[in-house]
């Protein structure tokens, strides 16, 4: 008689040993939720699209109605209002990969910086022109309090200054230089910290160098800002590796993934996903990483390249609430934090008659303006990640269903609230040497079990939820197995 064995879906930690760790070896296209995992969603493309490659992007929301999507593509900066066709708001020449645009919102303007062009800006949604006051060429930009801050500079007179930050006049992106009256000035960060990779902040700022993190505190004239080194020997590997998540920041350093609370960094990837990431990312593509914060799921995600296709091919996601990781193989050209776009009555026609709409007319999705993860898909179409449900995949580590002997597995019952789920069992005799022998993927019978026939000393299980399924939670499996013998 078989004995049911409950196997809860534990954390996904591919860096750990696969045997008897309680960790999953795969948790694909899902998000951690209380007690298990929930679905993730693909792109919902809207009318707007750009010809790849995408070289920087940002979304500005003035209210719940107006969403402005800025994107650098080729030599131009484009903007789309509420998903309409992209229109050029700045055109130039002489730009080259892998350099990218970085955008910021400051005093009602959209600002764009590029290491090969003078910073530009303009009223939100309107044409952009070079900023007044002769600001330096810059690779990164951020806003700290009432100042626009640029980093990794070519200051013209001084030449390249990769460890320098310079800030504008008080609430004025058109005033630069060193002026006690406007409070515009600069600061050279420690040489041993390396290149400035990012500046984030609100009332106080954080300057990420490659090998150092410093606090930037406003103290007023004449110094304007005080800079204090808070962490040495650790910084960010690229601008896109830094994610502003409100009171926290998340970043990738040379020694892994960390959370930053303004005073210290906490490791979140050690012995979990650090080695997986190092092995998966294509060498030399760190500058292509894009990061995003999803306030609805309370997750941070990093998308990166695993090949030379030019696409971001994988995304690692960390739940700030559940302290667990997952990954997604959704491919795209850019991922970022943003907002979804609402629908007009005319746009509802695509869904058919009102009585067959796939959502109610009071669904917040129709209004738009909800914080979302957004981006550009593999074809350059812009959209929020609230489209169709992606295929979910779970795989457990190895365990002994009958300790001390071989086991025969005749069924796996998935604990998932989806209509269609398949399961498979993998077995082997020696956990460190033998390849895994998998049964075919088996559909559920009327009693909810997936019948199969598998025999081995060590067992693992795979659960698939097809794309497009409506489900909310997957918590684990129940394995029906019995002892079979010593050999």
Protein backbone atom coordinates (compact mmCIF):
# COMPACT_ATOMS: atom_id res chain seq x y z
CA UNK A 1 0.00 0.00 0.00
CA UNK A 2 1.39 3.39 -0.95
CA UNK A 3 2.03 6.01 1.70
CA UNK A 4 1.29 9.66 0.80
CA UNK A 5 4.23 11.97 1.51
CA UNK A 6 3.51 15.74 1.67
CA UNK A 7 6.26 17.82 0.02
CA UNK A 8 5.71 21.58 0.49
CA UNK A 9 7.17 23.92 -2.09
CA UNK A 10 10.08 25.41 -0.20
CA UNK A 11 12.33 28.30 -1.27
CA UNK A 12 14.02 28.28 -4.66
CA UNK A 13 17.75 28.19 -3.85
CA UNK A 14 19.70 26.73 -6.76
CA UNK A 15 23.05 27.29 -5.03
CA UNK A 16 22.21 24.70 -2.36
CA UNK A 17 22.73 20.95 -2.64
CA UNK A 18 19.76 19.24 -4.24
CA UNK A 19 19.50 16.41 -1.69
CA UNK A 20 17.20 16.72 1.30
CA UNK A 21 17.51 20.50 1.56
CA UNK A 22 13.83 21.35 1.31
CA UNK A 23 14.65 23.83 -1.44
CA UNK A 24 13.24 23.82 -4.95
CA UNK A 25 15.63 23.38 -7.86
CA UNK A 26 13.22 25.27 -10.13
CA UNK A 27 10.53 27.89 -9.49
CA UNK A 28 9.94 29.45 -12.89
CA UNK A 29 7.48 32.18 -13.83
CA UNK A 30 5.99 32.44 -10.36
CA UNK A 31 6.12 34.92 -7.49
CA UNK A 32 6.46 34.09 -3.77
CA UNK A 33 3.23 34.53 -1.78
CA UNK A 34 2.24 33.57 1.76
CA UNK A 35 2.32 29.78 2.02
CA UNK A 36 3.51 29.11 -1.52
CA UNK A 37 3.74 30.69 -4.95
CA UNK A 38 1.43 32.64 -7.23
CA UNK A 39 1.35 33.25 -11.00
CA UNK A 40 3.27 35.82 -13.00
CA UNK A 41 2.14 37.50 -16.17
CA UNK A 42 3.52 38.26 -19.60
CA UNK A 43 3.52 41.49 -21.54
CA UNK A 44 0.23 43.09 -22.47
CA UNK A 45 1.41 45.01 -25.56
CA UNK A 46 -0.30 48.28 -26.37
CA UNK A 47 -0.20 50.32 -29.60
CA UNK A 48 3.22 51.81 -28.90
CA UNK A 49 6.33 50.07 -30.21
CA UNK A 50 9.92 50.95 -31.04
CA UNK A 51 12.47 49.38 -33.30
CA UNK A 52 15.09 47.74 -31.05
CA UNK A 53 17.56 48.09 -29.50
CA UNK A 54 16.07 50.03 -26.59
CA UNK A 55 18.78 52.15 -24.99
CA UNK A 56 17.16 53.37 -21.78
CA UNK A 57 13.58 54.01 -20.67
CA UNK A 58 11.45 55.63 -17.95
CA UNK A 59 7.76 56.09 -17.19
CA UNK A 60 6.36 59.31 -15.71
CA UNK A 61 2.81 59.46 -14.33
CA UNK A 62 1.40 62.94 -13.71
CA UNK A 63 -1.87 61.47 -12.46
CA UNK A 64 -3.89 58.27 -12.88
CA UNK A 65 -4.80 59.31 -16.42
CA UNK A 66 -1.59 60.47 -18.13
CA UNK A 67 1.35 58.08 -18.53
CA UNK A 68 4.44 59.29 -20.41
CA UNK A 69 6.81 56.57 -21.61
CA UNK A 70 10.29 57.83 -22.48
CA UNK A 71 12.69 55.60 -24.36
CA UNK A 72 16.03 55.96 -26.06
CA UNK A 73 16.32 53.98 -29.28
CA UNK A 74 19.14 54.37 -31.75
CA UNK A 75 20.04 58.06 -31.87
CA UNK A 76 16.75 59.50 -30.60
CA UNK A 77 14.67 59.97 -27.48
CA UNK A 78 11.01 59.15 -27.96
CA UNK A 79 7.92 59.64 -25.85
CA UNK A 80 4.53 57.93 -25.93
CA UNK A 81 1.50 59.33 -24.13
CA UNK A 82 -0.84 56.65 -22.79
CA UNK A 83 0.47 54.02 -25.18
CA UNK A 84 0.02 56.06 -28.36
CA UNK A 85 2.65 55.92 -31.10
CA UNK A 86 6.11 57.02 -30.02
CA UNK A 87 7.19 60.46 -31.25
CA UNK A 88 10.74 61.77 -31.29
CA UNK A 89 11.40 64.55 -28.77
CA UNK A 90 15.17 64.69 -29.26
CA UNK A 91 17.33 63.64 -32.20
CA UNK A 92 21.10 63.43 -32.36
CA UNK A 93 23.94 61.50 -33.97
CA UNK A 94 27.18 59.87 -32.90
CA UNK A 95 25.85 57.60 -30.17
CA UNK A 96 27.28 54.12 -29.89
CA UNK A 97 26.54 50.94 -27.95
CA UNK A 98 26.83 49.89 -25.20
CA UNK A 99 26.24 53.42 -23.87
CA UNK A 100 22.67 54.10 -22.80
CA UNK A 101 20.38 56.94 -21.88
CA UNK A 102 19.42 57.34 -18.23
CA UNK A 103 16.36 59.38 -17.34
CA UNK A 104 15.17 61.30 -14.29
CA UNK A 105 12.18 63.43 -13.35
CA UNK A 106 13.02 66.78 -11.78
CA UNK A 107 10.91 69.92 -11.08
CA UNK A 108 8.29 69.05 -13.70
CA UNK A 109 10.79 68.13 -16.37
CA UNK A 110 12.08 64.94 -17.92
CA UNK A 111 15.88 64.82 -17.95
CA UNK A 112 18.02 62.54 -20.12
CA UNK A 113 21.77 61.93 -19.77
CA UNK A 114 24.14 60.01 -22.03
CA UNK A 115 27.94 59.76 -21.72
CA UNK A 116 28.35 60.97 -25.32
CA UNK A 117 25.93 63.93 -25.28
CA UNK A 118 25.27 66.93 -23.08
CA UNK A 119 22.28 66.38 -20.75
CA UNK A 120 18.90 67.31 -22.22
CA UNK A 121 15.53 68.10 -20.70
CA UNK A 122 12.08 69.47 -21.35
CA UNK A 123 8.59 69.76 -19.98
CA UNK A 124 7.01 66.34 -19.52
CA UNK A 125 5.74 65.05 -22.86
CA UNK A 126 7.35 67.88 -24.87
CA UNK A 127 10.51 68.38 -26.91
CA UNK A 128 13.84 68.10 -25.13
CA UNK A 129 16.82 70.42 -25.64
CA UNK A 130 20.30 70.63 -24.08
CA UNK A 131 20.16 71.94 -20.52
CA UNK A 132 21.36 75.47 -19.95
CA UNK A 133 24.40 76.22 -17.83
CA UNK A 134 26.82 73.84 -19.58
CA UNK A 135 26.38 70.71 -17.45
CA UNK A 136 29.01 68.00 -17.95
CA UNK A 137 28.60 64.81 -19.93
CA UNK A 138 27.32 62.17 -17.52
CA UNK A 139 26.53 58.46 -17.48
CA UNK A 140 24.15 58.44 -14.50
CA UNK A 141 21.61 60.84 -13.01
CA UNK A 142 19.48 60.99 -9.89
CA UNK A 143 17.51 63.41 -7.75
CA UNK A 144 18.47 64.15 -4.16
CA UNK A 145 16.12 66.55 -2.40
CA UNK A 146 15.96 69.70 -4.51
CA UNK A 147 18.97 68.95 -6.70
CA UNK A 148 19.61 67.07 -9.93
CA UNK A 149 22.78 65.02 -9.39
CA UNK A 150 24.98 63.70 -12.20
CA UNK A 151 27.71 61.06 -11.87
CA UNK A 152 30.59 59.51 -13.85
CA UNK A 153 31.40 62.75 -15.64
CA UNK A 154 33.41 64.30 -18.40
CA UNK A 155 33.64 67.79 -16.98
CA UNK A 156 35.07 69.47 -20.07
CA UNK A 157 37.84 71.45 -18.39
CA UNK A 158 38.98 68.62 -16.10
CA UNK A 159 38.35 65.80 -18.57
CA UNK A 160 36.91 62.42 -17.57
CA UNK A 161 36.12 62.19 -13.87
CA UNK A 162 34.43 58.80 -13.37
CA UNK A 163 34.41 59.20 -9.56
CA UNK A 164 32.88 62.71 -9.56
CA UNK A 165 29.32 63.81 -8.84
CA UNK A 166 28.01 67.26 -9.68
CA UNK A 167 24.68 68.79 -8.70
CA UNK A 168 22.57 71.53 -10.19
CA UNK A 169 21.42 74.75 -8.61
CA UNK A 170 18.55 74.59 -6.11
CA UNK A 171 15.48 73.33 -8.04
CA UNK A 172 17.09 74.52 -11.27
CA UNK A 173 18.44 72.01 -13.83
CA UNK A 174 19.71 74.91 -15.92
CA UNK A 175 22.24 76.20 -13.39
CA UNK A 176 25.62 74.46 -12.96
CA UNK A 177 29.22 75.20 -12.05
CA UNK A 178 30.32 76.22 -8.55
CA UNK A 179 28.08 78.97 -7.21
CA UNK A 180 27.33 79.55 -3.54
CA UNK A 181 24.27 81.56 -4.50
CA UNK A 182 22.57 78.79 -6.51
CA UNK A 183 24.26 76.03 -4.41
CA UNK A 184 25.50 74.26 -7.57
CA UNK A 185 28.78 72.43 -6.96
CA UNK A 186 30.60 69.09 -7.25
CA UNK A 187 32.38 66.47 -5.17
CA UNK A 188 35.04 63.92 -6.02
CA UNK A 189 34.25 60.59 -4.42
CA UNK A 190 37.17 58.47 -3.11
CA UNK A 191 39.38 57.14 -5.90
CA UNK A 192 39.43 53.65 -4.42
CA UNK A 193 35.64 53.49 -4.80
CA UNK A 194 35.93 53.52 -8.58
CA UNK A 195 33.30 54.66 -11.07
CA UNK A 196 30.05 56.22 -9.89
CA UNK A 197 27.39 53.67 -10.92
CA UNK A 198 24.29 55.37 -9.56
CA UNK A 199 22.75 58.07 -7.38
CA UNK A 200 19.41 57.57 -5.66
CA UNK A 201 17.72 59.53 -2.94
CA UNK A 202 15.04 61.71 -1.52
CA UNK A 203 15.90 63.94 1.42
CA UNK A 204 19.34 62.36 1.56
CA UNK A 205 21.14 60.56 -1.22
CA UNK A 206 23.11 57.37 -1.70
CA UNK A 207 26.04 57.31 -4.11
CA UNK A 208 26.92 53.86 -5.39
CA UNK A 209 30.42 53.48 -6.75
CA UNK A 210 31.76 50.21 -8.06
CA UNK A 211 33.50 49.43 -4.76
CA UNK A 212 32.00 51.84 -2.25
CA UNK A 213 28.69 53.25 -0.96
CA UNK A 214 28.42 56.78 0.48
CA UNK A 215 25.69 58.89 2.06
CA UNK A 216 25.01 62.35 0.60
CA UNK A 217 23.43 64.66 3.22
CA UNK A 218 22.27 68.22 2.57
CA UNK A 219 23.85 70.69 5.04
CA UNK A 220 23.46 73.96 3.09
CA UNK A 221 26.06 76.48 1.87
CA UNK A 222 28.95 76.71 1.64
CA UNK A 223 29.61 72.95 1.41
CA UNK A 224 25.95 72.20 0.41
CA UNK A 225 26.35 68.42 0.81
CA UNK A 226 28.27 66.30 3.28
CA UNK A 227 29.58 62.96 2.00
CA UNK A 228 30.21 60.05 4.34
CA UNK A 229 31.56 56.66 3.26
CA UNK A 230 29.21 54.09 4.75
CA UNK A 231 30.44 50.88 3.18
CA UNK A 232 33.82 50.01 1.69
CA UNK A 233 34.86 47.23 -0.68
CA UNK A 234 31.29 46.82 -1.94
CA UNK A 235 29.27 48.77 -4.51
CA UNK A 236 27.16 48.21 -7.61
CA UNK A 237 28.36 46.44 -10.76
CA UNK A 238 26.31 48.62 -13.16
CA UNK A 239 23.70 51.42 -13.14
CA UNK A 240 20.88 49.00 -13.95
CA UNK A 241 21.87 46.77 -11.04
CA UNK A 242 20.55 49.41 -8.56
CA UNK A 243 16.83 49.37 -7.77
CA UNK A 244 15.16 52.16 -5.81
CA UNK A 245 12.46 50.42 -3.75
CA UNK A 246 11.19 53.26 -1.60
CA UNK A 247 12.70 53.07 1.87
CA UNK A 248 15.09 50.39 0.63
CA UNK A 249 17.39 49.92 -2.31
CA UNK A 250 18.43 46.60 -3.81
CA UNK A 251 21.64 46.15 -5.76
CA UNK A 252 24.04 43.65 -7.27
CA UNK A 253 27.64 43.86 -6.10
CA UNK A 254 30.62 41.81 -7.17
CA UNK A 255 29.90 39.49 -4.23
CA UNK A 256 26.18 39.07 -4.86
CA UNK A 257 22.74 40.54 -4.15
CA UNK A 258 22.08 42.97 -1.29
CA UNK A 259 19.44 45.19 0.29
CA UNK A 260 20.46 48.68 1.37
CA UNK A 261 18.56 50.46 4.19
CA UNK A 262 20.49 53.73 4.13
CA UNK A 263 23.05 52.68 6.73
CA UNK A 264 24.18 49.16 5.82
CA UNK A 265 23.72 46.37 3.30
CA UNK A 266 22.20 42.96 4.01
CA UNK A 267 23.03 39.93 1.84
CA UNK A 268 19.98 38.31 0.23
CA UNK A 269 21.61 36.05 -2.35
CA UNK A 270 24.41 34.28 -0.47
CA UNK A 271 24.16 30.47 -0.76
CA UNK A 272 20.89 30.98 -2.58
CA UNK A 273 21.22 32.58 -6.05
CA UNK A 274 24.63 34.30 -6.23
CA UNK A 275 26.41 31.41 -7.93
CA UNK A 276 23.45 30.73 -10.21
CA UNK A 277 23.56 34.35 -11.42
CA UNK A 278 27.32 34.31 -11.98
CA UNK A 279 27.05 31.18 -14.08
CA UNK A 280 24.02 32.33 -16.08
CA UNK A 281 24.83 35.94 -17.02
CA UNK A 282 26.66 36.30 -20.31
CA UNK A 283 30.16 37.71 -19.61
CA UNK A 284 30.54 41.38 -20.41
CA UNK A 285 26.81 42.16 -20.42
CA UNK A 286 26.55 43.62 -16.91
CA UNK A 287 25.82 47.02 -18.46
CA UNK A 288 22.65 45.59 -20.03
CA UNK A 289 21.08 44.68 -16.67
CA UNK A 290 17.78 46.40 -15.92
CA UNK A 291 16.10 46.44 -12.53
CA UNK A 292 12.56 47.14 -11.37
CA UNK A 293 10.44 47.40 -8.25
CA UNK A 294 6.86 46.11 -8.26
CA UNK A 295 5.03 47.74 -5.31
CA UNK A 296 1.95 45.54 -5.73
CA UNK A 297 3.90 42.29 -5.24
CA UNK A 298 6.57 43.97 -3.11
CA UNK A 299 9.26 42.41 -5.27
CA UNK A 300 12.47 43.59 -6.91
CA UNK A 301 13.67 42.00 -10.16
CA UNK A 302 16.80 42.08 -12.27
CA UNK A 303 16.71 41.14 -15.97
CA UNK A 304 19.94 40.12 -17.68
CA UNK A 305 21.38 38.45 -20.79
CA UNK A 306 22.31 34.78 -20.89
CA UNK A 307 23.35 34.74 -24.58
CA UNK A 308 24.31 37.04 -27.45
CA UNK A 309 20.76 37.47 -28.83
CA UNK A 310 20.60 41.08 -27.67
CA UNK A 311 17.62 40.26 -25.47
CA UNK A 312 17.21 40.16 -21.72
CA UNK A 313 16.48 36.46 -21.41
CA UNK A 314 16.09 35.82 -17.67
CA UNK A 315 14.80 37.72 -14.68
CA UNK A 316 15.59 37.02 -11.03
CA UNK A 317 12.88 38.16 -8.59
CA UNK A 318 13.20 38.62 -4.83
CA UNK A 319 10.19 39.09 -2.55
CA UNK A 320 10.78 41.73 0.10
CA UNK A 321 7.93 40.28 2.15
CA UNK A 322 8.53 36.54 1.80
CA UNK A 323 12.36 36.66 1.64
CA UNK A 324 12.33 34.16 -1.23
CA UNK A 325 13.53 34.06 -4.82
CA UNK A 326 12.08 32.95 -8.16
CA UNK A 327 13.09 33.38 -11.78
CA UNK A 328 11.35 34.03 -15.08
CA UNK A 329 12.38 33.22 -18.64
CA UNK A 330 10.16 35.94 -20.15
CA UNK A 331 12.28 37.60 -22.84
CA UNK A 332 12.32 41.30 -23.59
CA UNK A 333 14.40 44.34 -24.54
CA UNK A 334 13.77 46.33 -21.36
CA UNK A 335 12.12 45.89 -17.97
CA UNK A 336 11.44 48.71 -15.48
CA UNK A 337 9.10 50.11 -12.85
CA UNK A 338 6.11 51.95 -14.24
CA UNK A 339 2.33 52.10 -14.44
CA UNK A 340 -0.31 50.31 -16.45
CA UNK A 341 -2.30 52.17 -19.08
CA UNK A 342 -6.06 52.51 -18.95
CA UNK A 343 -8.58 51.87 -21.73
CA UNK A 344 -10.96 54.21 -23.49
CA UNK A 345 -14.47 53.00 -24.35
CA UNK A 346 -13.38 52.68 -28.00
CA UNK A 347 -10.44 50.48 -27.01
CA UNK A 348 -12.79 48.06 -25.25
CA UNK A 349 -14.13 47.01 -28.66
CA UNK A 350 -11.16 44.64 -29.03
CA UNK A 351 -12.64 42.48 -26.25
CA UNK A 352 -16.04 42.05 -27.91
CA UNK A 353 -19.54 42.94 -26.57
CA UNK A 354 -19.84 44.39 -23.09
CA UNK A 355 -21.54 41.27 -21.74
CA UNK A 356 -18.54 39.12 -22.69
CA UNK A 357 -15.75 41.32 -21.32
CA UNK A 358 -13.08 39.28 -19.46
CA UNK A 359 -13.26 41.77 -16.56
CA UNK A 360 -15.87 43.99 -14.90
CA UNK A 361 -16.31 47.63 -15.88
CA UNK A 362 -15.17 48.73 -12.40
CA UNK A 363 -11.88 46.81 -12.73
CA UNK A 364 -8.97 49.17 -11.80
CA UNK A 365 -7.19 47.85 -14.91
CA UNK A 366 -9.53 49.94 -17.08
CA UNK A 367 -8.61 53.17 -15.31
CA UNK A 368 -4.86 52.63 -15.47
CA UNK A 369 -2.24 54.35 -13.35
CA UNK A 370 -1.63 51.31 -11.16
CA UNK A 371 2.05 50.78 -10.31
CA UNK A 372 3.31 47.88 -12.41
CA UNK A 373 6.37 46.23 -13.80
CA UNK A 374 6.51 47.32 -17.45
CA UNK A 375 8.86 47.18 -20.42
CA UNK A 376 9.44 46.35 -24.06
CA UNK A 377 8.93 42.80 -25.29
CA UNK A 378 11.13 40.85 -27.71
CA UNK A 379 9.57 42.69 -30.67
CA UNK A 380 9.90 46.18 -29.19
CA UNK A 381 6.24 46.48 -28.14
CA UNK A 382 5.64 48.42 -24.94
CA UNK A 383 3.37 46.99 -22.27
CA UNK A 384 2.79 46.24 -18.61
CA UNK A 385 3.43 42.79 -17.19
CA UNK A 386 -0.26 42.14 -16.55
CA UNK A 387 -1.06 40.13 -19.67
CA UNK A 388 -1.56 36.39 -19.93
CA UNK A 389 -0.50 34.01 -17.16
CA UNK A 390 2.88 32.44 -17.95
CA UNK A 391 3.65 28.74 -17.76
CA UNK A 392 4.74 27.91 -14.21
CA UNK A 393 7.30 25.20 -13.45
CA UNK A 394 8.33 23.71 -10.12
CA UNK A 395 10.94 21.07 -9.45
CA UNK A 396 11.85 19.71 -6.03
CA UNK A 397 15.23 18.53 -4.87
CA UNK A 398 16.03 14.86 -4.26
CA UNK A 399 14.71 12.99 -1.26
CA UNK A 400 14.31 9.39 -0.13
CA UNK A 401 10.68 8.31 -0.32
CA UNK A 402 11.61 5.06 1.48
CA UNK A 403 14.79 5.69 3.52
CA UNK A 404 17.22 2.78 3.30
CA UNK A 405 15.65 1.21 0.21
CA UNK A 406 14.35 1.91 -3.25
CA UNK A 407 10.89 3.38 -3.62
CA UNK A 408 8.10 2.91 -6.14
CA UNK A 409 6.12 6.06 -6.95
CA UNK A 410 2.69 5.51 -8.46
CA UNK A 411 1.14 8.99 -8.20
CA UNK A 412 1.79 12.66 -7.42
CA UNK A 413 -1.02 14.95 -6.32
CA UNK A 414 -0.36 18.68 -6.98
CA UNK A 415 -1.63 21.13 -4.38
CA UNK A 416 -2.53 23.81 -6.90
CA UNK A 417 -5.85 25.59 -7.47
CA UNK A 418 -5.63 25.31 -11.28
CA UNK A 419 -7.84 23.24 -13.57
CA UNK A 420 -4.98 21.73 -15.57
CA UNK A 421 -1.72 20.61 -13.96
CA UNK A 422 0.81 17.96 -14.98
CA UNK A 423 3.39 16.19 -12.84
CA UNK A 424 6.39 13.93 -13.46
CA UNK A 425 8.71 11.97 -11.18
CA UNK A 426 12.46 11.73 -11.56
CA UNK A 427 14.50 8.96 -9.95
CA UNK A 428 18.10 7.80 -9.66
CA UNK A 429 20.12 5.33 -7.65
CA UNK A 430 23.04 7.57 -6.62
CA UNK A 431 22.30 11.21 -5.97
CA UNK A 432 25.75 12.54 -6.87
CA UNK A 433 26.52 10.44 -9.95
CA UNK A 434 23.52 9.05 -11.79
CA UNK A 435 21.50 11.07 -14.30
CA UNK A 436 17.84 11.60 -13.46
CA UNK A 437 15.34 9.33 -15.22
CA UNK A 438 12.01 11.13 -15.70
CA UNK A 439 8.56 9.74 -16.31
CA UNK A 440 6.43 11.45 -18.96
CA UNK A 441 4.44 14.46 -17.76
CA UNK A 442 1.16 13.03 -16.48
CA UNK A 443 -2.21 14.78 -16.35
CA UNK A 444 -4.48 14.64 -13.32
CA UNK A 445 -7.07 11.89 -13.01
CA UNK A 446 -10.53 12.53 -11.61
CA UNK A 447 -9.26 12.05 -8.05
CA UNK A 448 -6.69 14.84 -8.53
CA UNK A 449 -3.67 12.55 -8.67
CA UNK A 450 -1.26 12.31 -11.58
CA UNK A 451 -0.71 8.54 -12.05
CA UNK A 452 2.77 7.36 -13.03
CA UNK A 453 5.28 4.56 -12.51
CA UNK A 454 8.76 5.43 -11.25
CA UNK A 455 11.32 3.50 -9.24
CA UNK A 456 14.57 4.58 -7.59
CA UNK A 457 16.39 5.25 -4.34
CA UNK A 458 16.23 9.03 -4.73
CA UNK A 459 13.13 10.81 -5.98
CA UNK A 460 12.29 14.32 -7.13
CA UNK A 461 9.10 15.70 -8.71
CA UNK A 462 8.23 18.24 -11.39
CA UNK A 463 4.97 20.18 -11.58
CA UNK A 464 3.86 22.25 -14.59
CA UNK A 465 0.93 24.67 -14.80
CA UNK A 466 0.29 25.50 -18.49
CA UNK A 467 0.21 29.11 -19.67
CA UNK A 468 -3.17 30.79 -19.65
CA UNK A 469 -4.49 28.90 -16.64
CA UNK A 470 -6.45 30.82 -14.00
CA UNK A 471 -4.91 30.05 -10.60
CA UNK A 472 -3.81 31.85 -7.46
CA UNK A 473 -1.65 29.56 -5.33
CA UNK A 474 0.61 26.51 -5.50
CA UNK A 475 1.72 25.14 -2.13
CA UNK A 476 3.30 21.74 -2.83
CA UNK A 477 2.66 18.14 -3.82
CA UNK A 478 1.67 14.86 -2.23
CA UNK A 479 3.71 11.86 -3.37
CA UNK A 480 2.24 8.35 -3.20
CA UNK A 481 5.14 5.92 -2.80
CA UNK A 482 5.98 2.59 -1.19
CA UNK A 483 9.20 0.80 -0.24
CA UNK A 484 10.37 -1.56 -2.97
CA UNK A 485 13.65 -3.18 -1.88
CA UNK A 486 17.31 -2.56 -1.26
CA UNK A 487 18.41 -2.77 -4.93
